[in-house]
N, C-alpha and C. Protein backbone atom coordinates (compact mmCIF):
# COMPACT_ATOMS: atom_id res chain seq x y z
N MET A 1 0.82 -1.19 0.00
CA MET A 1 0.00 0.00 0.00
C MET A 1 0.86 1.26 0.00
N ARG A 2 2.03 1.11 0.53
CA ARG A 2 2.91 2.25 0.62
C ARG A 2 3.31 2.78 -0.75
N HIS A 3 3.40 1.91 -1.74
CA HIS A 3 3.86 2.29 -3.07
C HIS A 3 2.75 2.89 -3.95
N LEU A 4 1.55 2.81 -3.51
CA LEU A 4 0.45 3.32 -4.33
C LEU A 4 0.57 4.81 -4.64
N PRO A 5 0.87 5.69 -3.68
CA PRO A 5 1.00 7.11 -4.05
C PRO A 5 2.11 7.33 -5.08
N CYS A 6 3.20 6.61 -4.96
CA CYS A 6 4.30 6.73 -5.92
C CYS A 6 3.85 6.27 -7.30
N LEU A 7 3.13 5.13 -7.37
CA LEU A 7 2.62 4.63 -8.65
C LEU A 7 1.63 5.62 -9.26
N ARG A 8 0.79 6.20 -8.41
CA ARG A 8 -0.18 7.17 -8.90
C ARG A 8 0.56 8.37 -9.51
N PHE A 9 1.65 8.83 -8.89
CA PHE A 9 2.44 9.94 -9.41
C PHE A 9 3.07 9.55 -10.74
N LEU A 10 3.65 8.34 -10.80
CA LEU A 10 4.27 7.90 -12.05
C LEU A 10 3.24 7.78 -13.16
N ARG A 11 2.12 7.28 -12.85
CA ARG A 11 1.07 7.14 -13.88
C ARG A 11 0.65 8.52 -14.39
N ALA A 12 0.48 9.45 -13.49
CA ALA A 12 0.10 10.81 -13.92
C ALA A 12 1.20 11.42 -14.77
N THR A 13 2.45 11.23 -14.38
CA THR A 13 3.58 11.75 -15.15
C THR A 13 3.64 11.08 -16.51
N GLU A 14 3.47 9.76 -16.52
CA GLU A 14 3.49 9.04 -17.80
C GLU A 14 2.37 9.54 -18.71
N LEU A 15 1.19 9.74 -18.12
CA LEU A 15 0.07 10.24 -18.92
C LEU A 15 0.38 11.62 -19.48
N ARG A 16 1.00 12.48 -18.68
CA ARG A 16 1.36 13.82 -19.17
C ARG A 16 2.36 13.72 -20.31
N ILE A 17 3.35 12.87 -20.15
CA ILE A 17 4.36 12.70 -21.20
C ILE A 17 3.72 12.19 -22.47
N ILE A 18 2.87 11.20 -22.35
CA ILE A 18 2.19 10.64 -23.53
C ILE A 18 1.34 11.72 -24.19
N LEU A 19 0.61 12.49 -23.39
CA LEU A 19 -0.23 13.55 -23.93
C LEU A 19 0.61 14.59 -24.67
N VAL A 20 1.72 15.00 -24.09
CA VAL A 20 2.60 15.99 -24.72
C VAL A 20 3.14 15.44 -26.04
N VAL A 21 3.59 14.18 -26.03
CA VAL A 21 4.12 13.56 -27.24
C VAL A 21 3.06 13.50 -28.33
N LEU A 22 1.84 13.14 -27.96
CA LEU A 22 0.76 13.08 -28.95
C LEU A 22 0.44 14.46 -29.52
N VAL A 23 0.35 15.45 -28.65
CA VAL A 23 0.05 16.81 -29.12
C VAL A 23 1.15 17.32 -30.02
N LEU A 24 2.41 17.15 -29.61
CA LEU A 24 3.52 17.59 -30.46
C LEU A 24 3.57 16.81 -31.76
N GLY A 25 3.36 15.52 -31.69
CA GLY A 25 3.36 14.69 -32.90
C GLY A 25 2.28 15.12 -33.86
N PHE A 26 1.07 15.37 -33.35
CA PHE A 26 -0.01 15.82 -34.22
C PHE A 26 0.30 17.19 -34.79
N GLY A 27 0.84 18.07 -33.97
CA GLY A 27 1.19 19.41 -34.44
C GLY A 27 2.24 19.37 -35.53
N LEU A 28 3.26 18.53 -35.38
CA LEU A 28 4.30 18.43 -36.41
C LEU A 28 3.76 17.82 -37.68
N SER A 29 2.95 16.77 -37.56
CA SER A 29 2.42 16.16 -38.78
C SER A 29 1.46 17.11 -39.47
N HIS A 30 0.70 17.88 -38.70
CA HIS A 30 -0.23 18.84 -39.28
C HIS A 30 0.53 19.95 -40.00
N SER A 31 1.61 20.45 -39.38
CA SER A 31 2.37 21.52 -40.02
C SER A 31 3.08 21.00 -41.26
N THR A 32 3.52 19.74 -41.25
CA THR A 32 4.18 19.17 -42.43
C THR A 32 3.19 19.09 -43.58
N VAL A 33 1.99 18.66 -43.29
CA VAL A 33 0.97 18.57 -44.33
C VAL A 33 0.64 19.97 -44.84
N ALA A 34 0.52 20.93 -43.94
CA ALA A 34 0.18 22.29 -44.35
C ALA A 34 1.29 22.91 -45.19
N GLU A 35 2.55 22.53 -44.96
CA GLU A 35 3.66 23.12 -45.68
C GLU A 35 3.92 22.44 -47.02
N SER A 36 3.34 21.30 -47.26
CA SER A 36 3.56 20.59 -48.52
C SER A 36 2.45 20.94 -49.49
N PRO A 37 2.68 21.89 -50.40
CA PRO A 37 1.63 22.30 -51.32
C PRO A 37 1.29 21.18 -52.31
N ASN A 38 0.06 21.16 -52.74
CA ASN A 38 -0.42 20.17 -53.70
C ASN A 38 -0.12 20.67 -55.11
N PRO A 39 0.79 20.01 -55.85
CA PRO A 39 1.13 20.47 -57.21
C PRO A 39 -0.07 20.49 -58.17
N ASP A 40 -1.11 19.71 -57.88
CA ASP A 40 -2.29 19.70 -58.75
C ASP A 40 -3.02 21.04 -58.74
N ARG A 41 -2.77 21.85 -57.72
CA ARG A 41 -3.42 23.16 -57.63
C ARG A 41 -2.61 24.25 -58.33
N PHE A 42 -1.52 23.85 -58.95
CA PHE A 42 -0.65 24.79 -59.67
C PHE A 42 -0.73 24.45 -61.15
N GLY A 43 -1.71 25.01 -61.85
CA GLY A 43 -2.01 24.63 -63.24
C GLY A 43 -1.11 25.25 -64.30
N LEU A 44 -0.31 26.23 -63.94
CA LEU A 44 0.58 26.86 -64.92
C LEU A 44 1.97 26.23 -64.81
N ARG A 45 2.82 26.49 -65.80
CA ARG A 45 4.19 25.98 -65.77
C ARG A 45 5.15 27.11 -66.09
N VAL A 46 6.33 27.08 -65.46
CA VAL A 46 7.37 28.10 -65.67
C VAL A 46 8.66 27.40 -66.07
N TYR A 47 9.27 27.90 -67.14
CA TYR A 47 10.59 27.44 -67.58
C TYR A 47 11.57 28.56 -67.25
N ILE A 48 12.50 28.31 -66.34
CA ILE A 48 13.46 29.34 -65.90
C ILE A 48 14.73 29.21 -66.75
N PHE A 49 15.04 30.27 -67.51
CA PHE A 49 16.22 30.25 -68.37
C PHE A 49 17.49 30.55 -67.59
N ASN A 50 17.46 31.59 -66.78
CA ASN A 50 18.65 31.90 -65.98
C ASN A 50 18.27 32.67 -64.74
N ILE A 51 19.16 32.60 -63.75
CA ILE A 51 18.95 33.34 -62.50
C ILE A 51 20.29 33.88 -62.01
N ALA A 52 20.21 34.92 -61.24
CA ALA A 52 21.35 35.45 -60.49
C ALA A 52 20.85 35.58 -59.06
N SER A 53 21.52 34.90 -58.12
CA SER A 53 21.04 34.93 -56.74
C SER A 53 22.19 35.16 -55.77
N ARG A 54 21.81 35.56 -54.58
CA ARG A 54 22.76 35.77 -53.50
C ARG A 54 22.09 35.31 -52.20
N ALA A 55 22.88 34.78 -51.31
CA ALA A 55 22.38 34.35 -50.00
C ALA A 55 22.27 35.57 -49.10
N GLU A 56 21.18 35.64 -48.35
CA GLU A 56 20.96 36.75 -47.43
C GLU A 56 20.45 36.24 -46.10
N SER A 57 20.64 37.05 -45.07
CA SER A 57 20.14 36.72 -43.74
C SER A 57 19.32 37.89 -43.23
N GLY A 58 18.30 37.56 -42.46
CA GLY A 58 17.49 38.59 -41.85
C GLY A 58 18.11 39.12 -40.57
N ARG A 59 19.23 38.52 -40.18
CA ARG A 59 19.91 38.91 -38.95
C ARG A 59 21.42 38.79 -39.17
N ALA A 60 22.18 39.39 -38.32
CA ALA A 60 23.64 39.30 -38.41
C ALA A 60 24.08 37.90 -37.97
N PRO A 61 24.94 37.25 -38.75
CA PRO A 61 25.40 35.92 -38.35
C PRO A 61 26.22 35.98 -37.06
N LYS A 62 25.98 35.00 -36.19
CA LYS A 62 26.71 34.94 -34.92
C LYS A 62 27.96 34.08 -35.04
N HIS A 63 27.99 33.28 -36.08
CA HIS A 63 29.10 32.35 -36.26
C HIS A 63 29.38 32.23 -37.76
N PRO A 64 30.61 32.08 -38.18
CA PRO A 64 30.91 31.99 -39.62
C PRO A 64 30.19 30.84 -40.34
N SER A 65 29.80 29.81 -39.60
CA SER A 65 29.13 28.68 -40.25
C SER A 65 27.62 28.85 -40.30
N ASP A 66 27.08 29.98 -39.81
CA ASP A 66 25.63 30.20 -39.87
C ASP A 66 25.16 30.19 -41.31
N MET A 67 24.08 29.47 -41.55
CA MET A 67 23.49 29.39 -42.89
C MET A 67 22.63 30.63 -43.15
N PRO A 68 22.57 31.10 -44.40
CA PRO A 68 21.70 32.24 -44.70
C PRO A 68 20.24 31.83 -44.56
N ASP A 69 19.39 32.81 -44.29
CA ASP A 69 17.96 32.54 -44.11
C ASP A 69 17.24 32.32 -45.43
N PHE A 70 17.72 32.99 -46.50
CA PHE A 70 17.01 32.90 -47.77
C PHE A 70 17.93 33.29 -48.92
N LEU A 71 17.45 33.04 -50.13
CA LEU A 71 18.13 33.48 -51.35
C LEU A 71 17.30 34.58 -51.99
N ALA A 72 17.97 35.57 -52.53
CA ALA A 72 17.29 36.65 -53.23
C ALA A 72 17.98 36.84 -54.57
N GLY A 73 17.23 37.29 -55.57
CA GLY A 73 17.85 37.51 -56.86
C GLY A 73 16.85 37.85 -57.94
N SER A 74 17.26 37.60 -59.19
CA SER A 74 16.43 37.92 -60.34
C SER A 74 16.70 36.89 -61.44
N GLY A 75 15.86 36.92 -62.45
CA GLY A 75 16.04 35.99 -63.55
C GLY A 75 15.09 36.26 -64.71
N GLN A 76 15.15 35.34 -65.68
CA GLN A 76 14.31 35.43 -66.88
C GLN A 76 13.67 34.06 -67.10
N ALA A 77 12.39 34.08 -67.50
CA ALA A 77 11.66 32.82 -67.65
C ALA A 77 10.52 32.99 -68.64
N ASP A 78 9.95 31.87 -69.02
CA ASP A 78 8.71 31.84 -69.80
C ASP A 78 7.62 31.24 -68.93
N LEU A 79 6.45 31.86 -68.98
CA LEU A 79 5.26 31.31 -68.34
C LEU A 79 4.43 30.64 -69.41
N PHE A 80 4.08 29.37 -69.20
CA PHE A 80 3.19 28.68 -70.13
C PHE A 80 1.78 28.82 -69.59
N GLU A 81 1.00 29.61 -70.31
CA GLU A 81 -0.40 29.86 -69.95
C GLU A 81 -1.22 29.77 -71.22
N SER A 82 -2.26 28.97 -71.19
CA SER A 82 -3.10 28.72 -72.39
C SER A 82 -2.23 28.16 -73.52
N SER A 83 -1.30 27.28 -73.17
CA SER A 83 -0.41 26.59 -74.12
C SER A 83 0.44 27.53 -74.95
N GLU A 84 0.74 28.70 -74.41
CA GLU A 84 1.60 29.66 -75.11
C GLU A 84 2.64 30.22 -74.15
N PRO A 85 3.91 30.33 -74.60
CA PRO A 85 4.94 30.90 -73.72
C PRO A 85 4.89 32.42 -73.70
N HIS A 86 5.07 32.98 -72.51
CA HIS A 86 5.11 34.44 -72.32
C HIS A 86 6.37 34.79 -71.55
N ALA A 87 7.23 35.63 -72.14
CA ALA A 87 8.49 36.01 -71.50
C ALA A 87 8.24 36.95 -70.33
N PHE A 88 8.99 36.73 -69.24
CA PHE A 88 8.94 37.66 -68.13
C PHE A 88 10.28 37.68 -67.39
N GLN A 89 10.53 38.81 -66.77
CA GLN A 89 11.66 38.95 -65.87
C GLN A 89 11.10 38.90 -64.46
N PHE A 90 11.92 38.44 -63.51
CA PHE A 90 11.39 38.31 -62.16
C PHE A 90 12.46 38.59 -61.12
N THR A 91 11.97 38.94 -59.94
CA THR A 91 12.81 39.01 -58.75
C THR A 91 12.21 38.05 -57.75
N PHE A 92 13.03 37.59 -56.81
CA PHE A 92 12.54 36.64 -55.82
C PHE A 92 13.32 36.77 -54.53
N SER A 93 12.73 36.25 -53.47
CA SER A 93 13.35 36.12 -52.16
C SER A 93 12.72 34.89 -51.54
N CYS A 94 13.46 33.77 -51.51
CA CYS A 94 12.88 32.48 -51.13
C CYS A 94 13.79 31.71 -50.20
N THR A 95 13.18 30.81 -49.43
CA THR A 95 13.97 29.89 -48.64
C THR A 95 14.35 28.67 -49.48
N ALA A 96 13.60 28.43 -50.55
CA ALA A 96 13.90 27.31 -51.45
C ALA A 96 15.10 27.66 -52.32
N GLY A 97 15.84 26.65 -52.72
CA GLY A 97 16.96 26.87 -53.62
C GLY A 97 16.45 27.09 -55.04
N MET A 98 16.67 28.26 -55.58
CA MET A 98 16.22 28.60 -56.93
C MET A 98 17.23 28.04 -57.92
N THR A 99 16.73 27.42 -58.98
CA THR A 99 17.60 26.86 -60.00
C THR A 99 16.98 27.06 -61.37
N ALA A 100 17.82 27.18 -62.37
CA ALA A 100 17.32 27.27 -63.74
C ALA A 100 16.82 25.90 -64.18
N SER A 101 15.92 25.89 -65.14
CA SER A 101 15.39 24.64 -65.67
C SER A 101 16.50 23.87 -66.37
N ALA A 102 16.51 22.57 -66.16
CA ALA A 102 17.47 21.69 -66.84
C ALA A 102 16.70 20.88 -67.86
N GLY A 103 17.23 20.80 -69.07
CA GLY A 103 16.50 20.07 -70.11
C GLY A 103 15.16 20.74 -70.39
N TYR A 104 14.10 19.95 -70.29
CA TYR A 104 12.76 20.47 -70.56
C TYR A 104 11.95 20.66 -69.27
N VAL A 105 12.62 20.64 -68.14
CA VAL A 105 11.94 20.72 -66.85
C VAL A 105 11.27 22.08 -66.67
N THR A 106 10.00 22.03 -66.33
CA THR A 106 9.26 23.24 -65.97
C THR A 106 8.77 23.08 -64.54
N PHE A 107 8.47 24.19 -63.90
CA PHE A 107 8.03 24.17 -62.51
C PHE A 107 6.56 24.54 -62.42
N PRO A 108 5.78 23.83 -61.57
CA PRO A 108 4.37 24.18 -61.37
C PRO A 108 4.25 25.59 -60.80
N ALA A 109 3.23 26.31 -61.26
CA ALA A 109 3.03 27.69 -60.81
C ALA A 109 1.54 28.03 -60.80
N ARG A 110 1.21 29.08 -60.07
CA ARG A 110 -0.15 29.64 -60.07
C ARG A 110 -0.04 31.11 -59.72
N TRP A 111 -1.08 31.85 -60.11
CA TRP A 111 -1.10 33.27 -59.80
C TRP A 111 -1.47 33.48 -58.34
N LYS A 112 -0.67 34.27 -57.65
CA LYS A 112 -0.99 34.70 -56.30
C LYS A 112 -1.67 36.07 -56.39
N LYS A 113 -1.08 36.94 -57.22
CA LYS A 113 -1.68 38.23 -57.59
C LYS A 113 -1.56 38.30 -59.10
N PRO A 114 -2.66 38.10 -59.83
CA PRO A 114 -2.58 38.04 -61.30
C PRO A 114 -1.80 39.19 -61.92
N GLY A 115 -0.85 38.81 -62.79
CA GLY A 115 -0.03 39.78 -63.49
C GLY A 115 1.12 40.35 -62.68
N LYS A 116 1.18 40.02 -61.37
CA LYS A 116 2.22 40.61 -60.52
C LYS A 116 3.06 39.58 -59.77
N THR A 117 2.40 38.60 -59.14
CA THR A 117 3.11 37.62 -58.30
C THR A 117 2.72 36.21 -58.68
N LEU A 118 3.72 35.43 -59.09
CA LEU A 118 3.54 34.00 -59.37
C LEU A 118 4.09 33.20 -58.20
N GLU A 119 3.34 32.22 -57.76
CA GLU A 119 3.84 31.29 -56.75
C GLU A 119 4.30 30.04 -57.51
N VAL A 120 5.58 29.71 -57.38
CA VAL A 120 6.19 28.59 -58.10
C VAL A 120 6.62 27.54 -57.09
N LEU A 121 6.44 26.26 -57.46
CA LEU A 121 6.91 25.17 -56.60
C LEU A 121 8.29 24.74 -57.07
N LEU A 122 9.24 24.76 -56.15
CA LEU A 122 10.62 24.37 -56.44
C LEU A 122 10.98 23.15 -55.60
N PRO A 123 11.82 22.26 -56.15
CA PRO A 123 12.23 21.10 -55.35
C PRO A 123 13.08 21.52 -54.16
N GLN A 124 12.84 20.88 -53.01
CA GLN A 124 13.64 21.15 -51.83
C GLN A 124 15.00 20.48 -51.99
N ARG A 125 16.05 21.15 -51.54
CA ARG A 125 17.38 20.57 -51.61
C ARG A 125 17.44 19.31 -50.77
N GLY A 126 17.98 18.26 -51.36
CA GLY A 126 18.12 16.99 -50.66
C GLY A 126 16.84 16.19 -50.56
N LYS A 127 15.73 16.74 -51.05
CA LYS A 127 14.44 16.05 -51.01
C LYS A 127 13.77 16.21 -52.37
N PRO A 128 14.19 15.44 -53.37
CA PRO A 128 13.69 15.66 -54.73
C PRO A 128 12.18 15.47 -54.89
N ASP A 129 11.54 14.73 -53.98
CA ASP A 129 10.10 14.52 -54.09
C ASP A 129 9.28 15.55 -53.33
N SER A 130 9.94 16.47 -52.62
CA SER A 130 9.25 17.51 -51.86
C SER A 130 9.40 18.85 -52.57
N MET A 131 8.32 19.58 -52.59
CA MET A 131 8.31 20.89 -53.26
C MET A 131 8.08 21.98 -52.22
N GLU A 132 8.65 23.16 -52.50
CA GLU A 132 8.53 24.30 -51.61
C GLU A 132 8.13 25.52 -52.44
N PRO A 133 7.16 26.32 -51.97
CA PRO A 133 6.73 27.48 -52.76
C PRO A 133 7.72 28.64 -52.70
N CYS A 134 7.74 29.40 -53.77
CA CYS A 134 8.56 30.61 -53.85
C CYS A 134 7.78 31.63 -54.68
N ASP A 135 7.69 32.85 -54.19
CA ASP A 135 6.98 33.90 -54.91
C ASP A 135 7.93 34.63 -55.85
N LEU A 136 7.50 34.78 -57.09
CA LEU A 136 8.24 35.55 -58.09
C LEU A 136 7.47 36.83 -58.37
N GLN A 137 8.15 37.96 -58.25
CA GLN A 137 7.56 39.25 -58.63
C GLN A 137 7.86 39.42 -60.11
N VAL A 138 6.82 39.41 -60.95
CA VAL A 138 7.03 39.32 -62.39
C VAL A 138 6.81 40.65 -63.10
N GLU A 139 7.54 40.79 -64.20
CA GLU A 139 7.34 41.92 -65.12
C GLU A 139 7.41 41.31 -66.53
N PHE A 140 6.26 41.29 -67.20
CA PHE A 140 6.20 40.66 -68.52
C PHE A 140 6.90 41.50 -69.58
N VAL A 141 7.50 40.79 -70.54
CA VAL A 141 8.08 41.41 -71.72
C VAL A 141 7.02 41.24 -72.79
N PRO A 142 6.28 42.31 -73.15
CA PRO A 142 5.10 42.18 -74.01
C PRO A 142 5.38 41.52 -75.36
N ASP A 143 4.49 40.61 -75.74
CA ASP A 143 4.48 39.96 -77.06
C ASP A 143 5.77 39.22 -77.40
N LEU A 144 6.50 38.75 -76.39
CA LEU A 144 7.73 38.01 -76.63
C LEU A 144 7.77 36.73 -75.80
N ALA A 145 8.63 35.82 -76.25
CA ALA A 145 8.94 34.61 -75.50
C ALA A 145 10.45 34.45 -75.54
N TYR A 146 11.01 33.89 -74.47
CA TYR A 146 12.45 33.61 -74.45
C TYR A 146 12.69 32.22 -75.04
N PHE A 147 13.90 32.04 -75.60
CA PHE A 147 14.31 30.73 -76.12
C PHE A 147 15.82 30.76 -76.31
N TRP A 148 16.39 29.54 -76.46
CA TRP A 148 17.83 29.44 -76.73
C TRP A 148 18.05 29.46 -78.23
N LYS A 149 19.01 30.24 -78.69
CA LYS A 149 19.35 30.29 -80.11
C LYS A 149 20.87 30.40 -80.22
N ASN A 150 21.48 29.41 -80.89
CA ASN A 150 22.93 29.36 -81.06
C ASN A 150 23.67 29.50 -79.72
N GLY A 151 23.14 28.87 -78.70
CA GLY A 151 23.80 28.86 -77.39
C GLY A 151 23.61 30.10 -76.55
N ALA A 152 22.77 31.03 -76.98
CA ALA A 152 22.55 32.25 -76.22
C ALA A 152 21.06 32.47 -76.01
N LEU A 153 20.72 33.16 -74.95
CA LEU A 153 19.32 33.48 -74.68
C LEU A 153 18.86 34.54 -75.67
N ALA A 154 17.70 34.29 -76.28
CA ALA A 154 17.13 35.23 -77.25
C ALA A 154 15.66 35.45 -76.91
N ALA A 155 15.07 36.47 -77.51
CA ALA A 155 13.65 36.76 -77.34
C ALA A 155 13.06 37.05 -78.70
N GLY A 156 11.84 36.61 -78.89
CA GLY A 156 11.16 36.84 -80.16
C GLY A 156 9.68 36.60 -80.01
N PRO A 157 8.93 36.76 -81.11
CA PRO A 157 7.48 36.52 -81.05
C PRO A 157 7.21 35.07 -80.64
N PRO A 158 6.15 34.82 -79.88
CA PRO A 158 5.87 33.46 -79.42
C PRO A 158 5.36 32.52 -80.52
N ALA A 159 4.87 33.04 -81.64
CA ALA A 159 4.27 32.18 -82.68
C ALA A 159 5.20 31.07 -83.17
N PRO A 160 6.47 31.33 -83.51
CA PRO A 160 7.34 30.22 -83.92
C PRO A 160 7.56 29.17 -82.82
N LEU A 161 7.59 29.61 -81.57
CA LEU A 161 7.72 28.67 -80.45
C LEU A 161 6.46 27.82 -80.31
N VAL A 162 5.32 28.45 -80.46
CA VAL A 162 4.05 27.71 -80.38
C VAL A 162 4.01 26.68 -81.50
N ASP A 163 4.43 27.03 -82.71
CA ASP A 163 4.49 26.07 -83.82
C ASP A 163 5.43 24.92 -83.48
N TRP A 164 6.62 25.22 -82.95
CA TRP A 164 7.57 24.18 -82.56
C TRP A 164 6.96 23.26 -81.50
N MET A 165 6.27 23.87 -80.53
CA MET A 165 5.64 23.09 -79.46
C MET A 165 4.58 22.14 -80.02
N LYS A 166 3.76 22.62 -80.95
CA LYS A 166 2.72 21.76 -81.55
C LYS A 166 3.35 20.64 -82.37
N LYS A 167 4.34 21.01 -83.18
CA LYS A 167 5.01 20.04 -84.04
C LYS A 167 5.69 18.94 -83.23
N HIS A 168 6.25 19.30 -82.07
CA HIS A 168 6.98 18.35 -81.23
C HIS A 168 6.15 17.82 -80.05
N ARG A 169 4.87 18.18 -80.05
CA ARG A 169 3.95 17.75 -78.98
C ARG A 169 4.50 18.06 -77.59
N PHE A 170 4.97 19.28 -77.46
CA PHE A 170 5.51 19.77 -76.18
C PHE A 170 4.51 20.74 -75.58
N ASP A 171 3.85 20.32 -74.51
CA ASP A 171 2.83 21.14 -73.85
C ASP A 171 2.91 20.91 -72.34
N PRO A 172 3.90 21.52 -71.67
CA PRO A 172 4.13 21.24 -70.25
C PRO A 172 2.94 21.57 -69.36
N GLU A 173 2.14 22.52 -69.78
CA GLU A 173 0.96 22.91 -69.00
C GLU A 173 -0.05 21.77 -68.93
N ASN A 174 -0.03 20.90 -69.93
CA ASN A 174 -0.99 19.80 -69.99
C ASN A 174 -0.32 18.43 -69.86
N GLY A 175 0.86 18.38 -69.26
CA GLY A 175 1.49 17.11 -68.93
C GLY A 175 2.46 16.55 -69.96
N SER A 176 2.61 17.18 -71.13
CA SER A 176 3.56 16.70 -72.14
C SER A 176 4.86 17.47 -71.98
N GLU A 177 5.73 16.99 -71.08
CA GLU A 177 6.95 17.73 -70.74
C GLU A 177 8.18 17.26 -71.49
N GLU A 178 8.05 16.25 -72.28
CA GLU A 178 9.20 15.77 -73.07
C GLU A 178 8.79 15.84 -74.54
N PRO A 179 9.43 16.73 -75.32
CA PRO A 179 9.04 16.87 -76.72
C PRO A 179 9.40 15.62 -77.54
N MET A 180 8.60 15.39 -78.56
CA MET A 180 8.89 14.31 -79.48
C MET A 180 9.96 14.82 -80.45
N LEU A 181 11.11 14.17 -80.48
CA LEU A 181 12.17 14.60 -81.37
C LEU A 181 11.92 14.06 -82.77
N LEU A 182 12.14 14.89 -83.76
CA LEU A 182 11.88 14.54 -85.15
C LEU A 182 13.19 14.40 -85.92
N PRO A 183 13.16 13.66 -87.04
CA PRO A 183 14.38 13.56 -87.87
C PRO A 183 14.85 14.96 -88.28
N GLY A 184 16.14 15.17 -88.19
CA GLY A 184 16.70 16.47 -88.56
C GLY A 184 16.79 17.44 -87.40
N ASP A 185 16.19 17.11 -86.23
CA ASP A 185 16.30 18.00 -85.07
C ASP A 185 17.74 17.98 -84.55
N SER A 186 18.17 19.13 -84.06
CA SER A 186 19.50 19.21 -83.44
C SER A 186 19.42 20.20 -82.29
N ALA A 187 20.48 20.24 -81.52
CA ALA A 187 20.53 21.18 -80.39
C ALA A 187 20.41 22.61 -80.88
N ASP A 188 20.86 22.89 -82.10
CA ASP A 188 20.80 24.25 -82.63
C ASP A 188 19.38 24.68 -82.97
N THR A 189 18.50 23.72 -83.26
CA THR A 189 17.12 24.06 -83.64
C THR A 189 16.15 23.89 -82.47
N ASP A 190 16.65 23.47 -81.31
CA ASP A 190 15.80 23.22 -80.14
C ASP A 190 15.77 24.47 -79.25
N PRO A 191 14.63 25.16 -79.19
CA PRO A 191 14.58 26.42 -78.42
C PRO A 191 14.64 26.24 -76.92
N PHE A 192 14.49 25.01 -76.42
CA PHE A 192 14.52 24.78 -74.98
C PHE A 192 15.74 23.98 -74.53
N ARG A 193 16.68 23.79 -75.43
CA ARG A 193 17.91 23.07 -75.07
C ARG A 193 18.96 24.10 -74.68
N ALA A 194 19.30 24.12 -73.41
CA ALA A 194 20.29 25.09 -72.92
C ALA A 194 21.67 24.75 -73.44
N PRO A 195 22.53 25.76 -73.61
CA PRO A 195 23.90 25.48 -74.05
C PRO A 195 24.62 24.67 -72.98
N GLU A 196 25.49 23.77 -73.44
CA GLU A 196 26.22 22.91 -72.49
C GLU A 196 27.56 23.48 -72.15
């Protein structure tokens, strides 16, 4: 009988610990779900041609090994909307690692503020299956699309690109992200093949 008060205390402590673990576990799993955006809700696609970025911190580093809080910079890209590319320049400040498109890779996007802010999903570093949102402040280049020509970034009317896209069945906005290569195609005639 003497040990009963001690057992009652341990049981109450164990119950508190279990309750705390459950609450924290639910909170972490809930925040993880909330932070993982659903790519199906991002119906537009962005092809990033180039970026210039720098690491920044919102506070003064206390130690030389402190990691920066975010990346900030600018770049040039095409937005695929209504199966047509639209050239735009952008600035960004993101915690996600910003990278230019490799090959024919496009990134899911949606309008946060139409005509001004695009929310783009970028792969998390070290987690290729996880995506992280990043806001791009956009400024469209009217009636133009970007493309690669002779190893350099060029801009021109979107009509020839739209024709190339139809001919090669390249429509990233609708799930066709790998163009059908035709006889006679080369890296010089491919508007989305970056210089090596």
